[in-house]
Amino acid sequence: LTGNQQYLDKLGEYFQFADDLMYDKTVGLYYRDAKYVFPKEPTINGLKNFWSRGNGWVYAAFAKVLTDLPENDPRRPLFTERFIAMSKALKTTQQEGGYWTRTMLDPAHAPGPETSGTAFFTYGLYWGMNNGLLSKKEYLPMAKKAWKYLTETALQEDMNIGYVQPIGENASPKTTVSAKSTYNFGTGAWLLAACEVYRSL
């Protein structure tokens, strides 16, 4: 809006700090913050602990930033590379029911579906295909599976969006998520995904 390059430079500076601190290159996902960088705070089975909604924020943010970033910006290749790497990680962690669990590499840590992370991932997948970054042949089947979960399981008869993890910084095994677990940020993520699915049609 301003044309002031300082905003993009500051964006790049902040991103580089977070990327250096929290990105796991071997997995292609982000830790929630420095407290969770492995081997700190492993899952109950000793695995790396990647939070679904946290990675959903990152994945959706890449889509949003890449939409507005100037084509010649020097950061575009790195953001694109990270977005594609995350997409590949999503392929290996999606559950049979189309959703992602709260802790992505260890479904047993906090079993069952989680809607907010799943909705952000669904948005990003459709955005990636709509903008030519992801192959429809490779990613449309999993995106459809995720959308099926969002519309047939997460969406309740009373039009509430269920299975949303409550406010909190991690996927605690002590927290139960059910069809009645609904929060406005989960509904917002669901609507974000729905808009991108609509664009794809």
Protein backbone atom coordinates (compact mmCIF):
# COMPACT_ATOMS: atom_id res chain seq x y z
CA LEU A 1 0.00 0.00 0.00
CA THR A 2 2.80 2.42 0.85
CA GLY A 3 5.39 1.26 -1.65
CA ASN A 4 7.93 1.50 1.18
CA GLN A 5 10.59 -1.19 0.78
CA GLN A 6 11.36 -1.11 4.51
CA TYR A 7 8.25 -3.18 5.24
CA LEU A 8 9.43 -6.02 2.99
CA ASP A 9 12.94 -5.82 4.41
CA LYS A 10 11.61 -6.08 7.96
CA LEU A 11 9.35 -8.96 6.94
CA GLY A 12 12.41 -10.76 5.57
CA GLU A 13 14.43 -10.06 8.71
CA TYR A 14 11.74 -11.39 11.05
CA PHE A 15 11.06 -14.41 8.88
CA GLN A 16 14.74 -15.36 8.72
CA PHE A 17 14.96 -15.25 12.52
CA ALA A 18 11.93 -17.53 12.91
CA ASP A 19 13.01 -19.84 10.08
CA ASP A 20 16.50 -20.32 11.53
CA LEU A 21 15.04 -21.04 14.95
CA MET A 22 12.02 -23.24 14.24
CA TYR A 23 12.22 -24.85 10.79
CA ASP A 24 13.16 -28.54 10.63
CA LYS A 25 14.68 -29.16 7.20
CA THR A 26 14.56 -32.94 7.49
CA VAL A 27 10.80 -32.96 8.11
CA GLY A 28 9.70 -29.78 6.32
CA LEU A 29 7.66 -28.45 9.24
CA TYR A 30 7.98 -25.77 11.93
CA TYR A 31 8.17 -26.12 15.69
CA ARG A 32 5.72 -24.00 17.68
CA ASP A 33 8.59 -22.03 19.25
CA ALA A 34 12.07 -22.53 20.75
CA LYS A 35 10.64 -24.52 23.68
CA TYR A 36 9.63 -27.34 21.33
CA VAL A 37 12.73 -27.71 19.16
CA PHE A 38 13.67 -31.38 19.35
CA PRO A 39 14.78 -33.00 21.63
CA LYS A 40 12.86 -30.58 23.90
CA GLU A 41 9.20 -31.49 24.57
CA PRO A 42 9.02 -34.71 22.50
CA THR A 43 5.73 -36.53 21.95
CA ILE A 44 4.71 -39.39 24.24
CA ASN A 45 6.51 -41.76 21.85
CA GLY A 46 9.69 -39.69 21.77
CA LEU A 47 9.07 -38.17 18.33
CA LYS A 48 9.50 -34.59 17.12
CA ASN A 49 6.55 -32.53 18.26
CA PHE A 50 4.97 -30.53 15.42
CA TRP A 51 1.70 -28.80 16.30
CA SER A 52 -0.96 -28.96 13.61
CA ARG A 53 -2.54 -25.52 14.08
CA GLY A 54 0.85 -23.87 14.46
CA ASN A 55 1.98 -25.29 11.14
CA GLY A 56 -1.40 -24.35 9.71
CA TRP A 57 -0.71 -20.70 10.55
CA VAL A 58 2.65 -20.91 8.80
CA TYR A 59 1.28 -22.67 5.72
CA ALA A 60 -1.59 -20.21 5.33
CA ALA A 61 0.80 -17.30 5.90
CA PHE A 62 3.03 -18.44 3.04
CA ALA A 63 -0.02 -18.41 0.77
CA LYS A 64 -1.04 -14.95 1.95
CA VAL A 65 2.46 -13.48 1.67
CA LEU A 66 3.17 -15.01 -1.73
CA THR A 67 -0.13 -13.57 -3.00
CA ASP A 68 1.02 -10.01 -2.22
CA LEU A 69 4.80 -10.29 -2.56
CA PRO A 70 6.24 -8.56 -5.67
CA GLU A 71 7.25 -11.06 -8.34
CA ASN A 72 10.86 -9.86 -8.30
CA ASP A 73 11.27 -9.92 -4.51
CA PRO A 74 14.45 -11.86 -3.60
CA ARG A 75 12.60 -13.71 -0.82
CA ARG A 76 10.06 -15.30 -3.15
CA PRO A 77 12.17 -18.40 -4.01
CA LEU A 78 12.72 -19.26 -0.33
CA PHE A 79 9.07 -18.77 0.61
CA THR A 80 8.04 -20.91 -2.36
CA GLU A 81 10.56 -23.59 -1.44
CA ARG A 82 9.28 -23.74 2.13
CA PHE A 83 5.65 -23.85 0.99
CA ILE A 84 6.36 -26.80 -1.31
CA ALA A 85 8.39 -28.61 1.37
CA MET A 86 5.50 -28.22 3.81
CA SER A 87 3.09 -29.53 1.18
CA LYS A 88 5.19 -32.69 0.87
CA ALA A 89 5.21 -33.10 4.66
CA LEU A 90 1.42 -32.77 4.70
CA LYS A 91 1.14 -35.69 2.27
CA THR A 92 2.90 -38.03 4.67
CA THR A 93 1.02 -36.92 7.80
CA GLN A 94 -2.61 -36.76 6.62
CA GLN A 95 -4.78 -39.39 8.28
CA GLU A 96 -7.09 -41.80 6.49
CA GLY A 97 -10.11 -39.72 7.54
CA GLY A 98 -8.74 -36.69 5.67
CA TYR A 99 -7.71 -34.72 8.75
CA TRP A 100 -4.43 -34.06 10.54
CA THR A 101 -4.01 -34.89 14.23
CA ARG A 102 -2.97 -32.25 16.73
CA THR A 103 0.60 -33.57 16.85
CA MET A 104 1.44 -34.30 13.24
CA LEU A 105 4.12 -37.00 13.48
CA ASP A 106 2.57 -38.88 16.39
CA PRO A 107 -1.20 -39.43 16.12
CA ALA A 108 -1.12 -41.40 19.39
CA HIS A 109 0.03 -38.31 21.31
CA ALA A 110 -3.34 -36.59 20.93
CA PRO A 111 -5.57 -38.89 18.85
CA GLY A 112 -8.47 -37.93 16.63
CA PRO A 113 -9.24 -35.12 14.21
CA GLU A 114 -8.39 -31.45 14.65
CA THR A 115 -10.23 -28.96 12.48
CA SER A 116 -8.32 -25.68 12.69
CA GLY A 117 -5.02 -27.12 11.46
CA THR A 118 -6.80 -29.24 8.88
CA ALA A 119 -8.70 -26.21 7.58
CA PHE A 120 -5.53 -24.11 7.22
CA PHE A 121 -3.85 -26.98 5.36
CA THR A 122 -6.88 -27.37 3.10
CA TYR A 123 -6.79 -23.66 2.30
CA GLY A 124 -3.08 -23.81 1.49
CA LEU A 125 -3.40 -26.91 -0.68
CA TYR A 126 -6.17 -25.40 -2.80
CA TRP A 127 -4.32 -22.07 -2.94
CA GLY A 128 -1.18 -23.84 -4.15
CA MET A 129 -3.09 -25.61 -6.92
CA ASN A 130 -5.06 -22.47 -7.83
CA ASN A 131 -1.80 -20.56 -8.23
CA GLY A 132 0.20 -23.19 -10.09
CA LEU A 133 2.63 -24.11 -7.30
CA LEU A 134 1.21 -27.58 -6.65
CA SER A 135 0.33 -30.31 -9.12
CA LYS A 136 -3.39 -31.10 -9.17
CA LYS A 137 -2.62 -34.68 -10.10
CA GLU A 138 -0.51 -35.07 -6.98
CA TYR A 139 -2.36 -32.90 -4.45
CA LEU A 140 -6.03 -32.74 -5.46
CA PRO A 141 -6.91 -36.19 -4.07
CA MET A 142 -5.60 -35.30 -0.61
CA ALA A 143 -7.16 -31.83 -0.73
CA LYS A 144 -10.54 -33.35 -1.60
CA LYS A 145 -10.15 -35.82 1.24
CA ALA A 146 -9.48 -32.94 3.64
CA TRP A 147 -12.47 -30.97 2.33
CA LYS A 148 -14.65 -34.06 2.75
CA TYR A 149 -13.62 -34.19 6.42
CA LEU A 150 -14.33 -30.47 6.86
CA THR A 151 -17.81 -30.71 5.34
CA GLU A 152 -18.94 -34.14 6.53
CA THR A 153 -17.32 -34.47 9.97
CA ALA A 154 -16.25 -31.04 11.22
CA LEU A 155 -19.43 -29.26 10.07
CA GLN A 156 -22.24 -30.08 12.50
CA GLU A 157 -25.98 -30.18 11.89
CA ASP A 158 -26.42 -26.92 13.81
CA MET A 159 -23.78 -25.35 11.48
CA ASN A 160 -21.13 -25.14 14.19
CA ILE A 161 -17.61 -26.27 13.33
CA GLY A 162 -16.51 -29.07 15.65
CA TYR A 163 -13.27 -30.82 16.63
CA VAL A 164 -11.41 -27.53 17.10
CA GLN A 165 -8.57 -27.70 19.64
CA PRO A 166 -9.11 -25.11 22.39
CA ILE A 167 -6.83 -22.11 22.88
CA GLY A 168 -3.42 -23.31 23.99
CA GLU A 169 0.13 -23.58 22.76
CA ASN A 170 0.37 -27.32 22.35
CA ALA A 171 -1.43 -30.56 21.69
CA SER A 172 -1.90 -31.84 25.22
CA PRO A 173 -2.89 -35.51 25.57
CA LYS A 174 -5.00 -34.38 28.54
CA THR A 175 -7.26 -32.22 26.35
CA THR A 176 -10.31 -33.84 24.74
CA VAL A 177 -11.52 -32.54 21.38
CA SER A 178 -15.04 -33.51 20.30
CA ALA A 179 -17.80 -32.59 17.86
CA LYS A 180 -18.89 -29.96 20.38
CA SER A 181 -15.42 -28.32 20.54
CA THR A 182 -15.93 -25.14 18.55
CA TYR A 183 -14.04 -21.81 18.60
CA ASN A 184 -14.21 -18.77 16.34
CA PHE A 185 -10.67 -19.22 15.00
CA GLY A 186 -11.59 -22.73 13.86
CA THR A 187 -14.64 -21.39 12.07
CA GLY A 188 -12.48 -18.68 10.48
CA ALA A 189 -10.01 -21.26 9.20
CA TRP A 190 -12.90 -23.36 7.86
CA LEU A 191 -14.30 -20.35 5.95
CA LEU A 192 -10.83 -19.53 4.59
CA ALA A 193 -10.62 -23.06 3.17
CA ALA A 194 -14.16 -22.85 1.79
CA CYS A 195 -13.34 -19.63 -0.10
CA GLU A 196 -10.31 -21.22 -1.75
CA VAL A 197 -12.28 -24.36 -2.67
CA TYR A 198 -14.89 -22.06 -4.25
CA ARG A 199 -12.17 -20.30 -6.26
CA SER A 200 -10.95 -23.66 -7.53
CA LEU A 201 -14.42 -24.36 -8.93
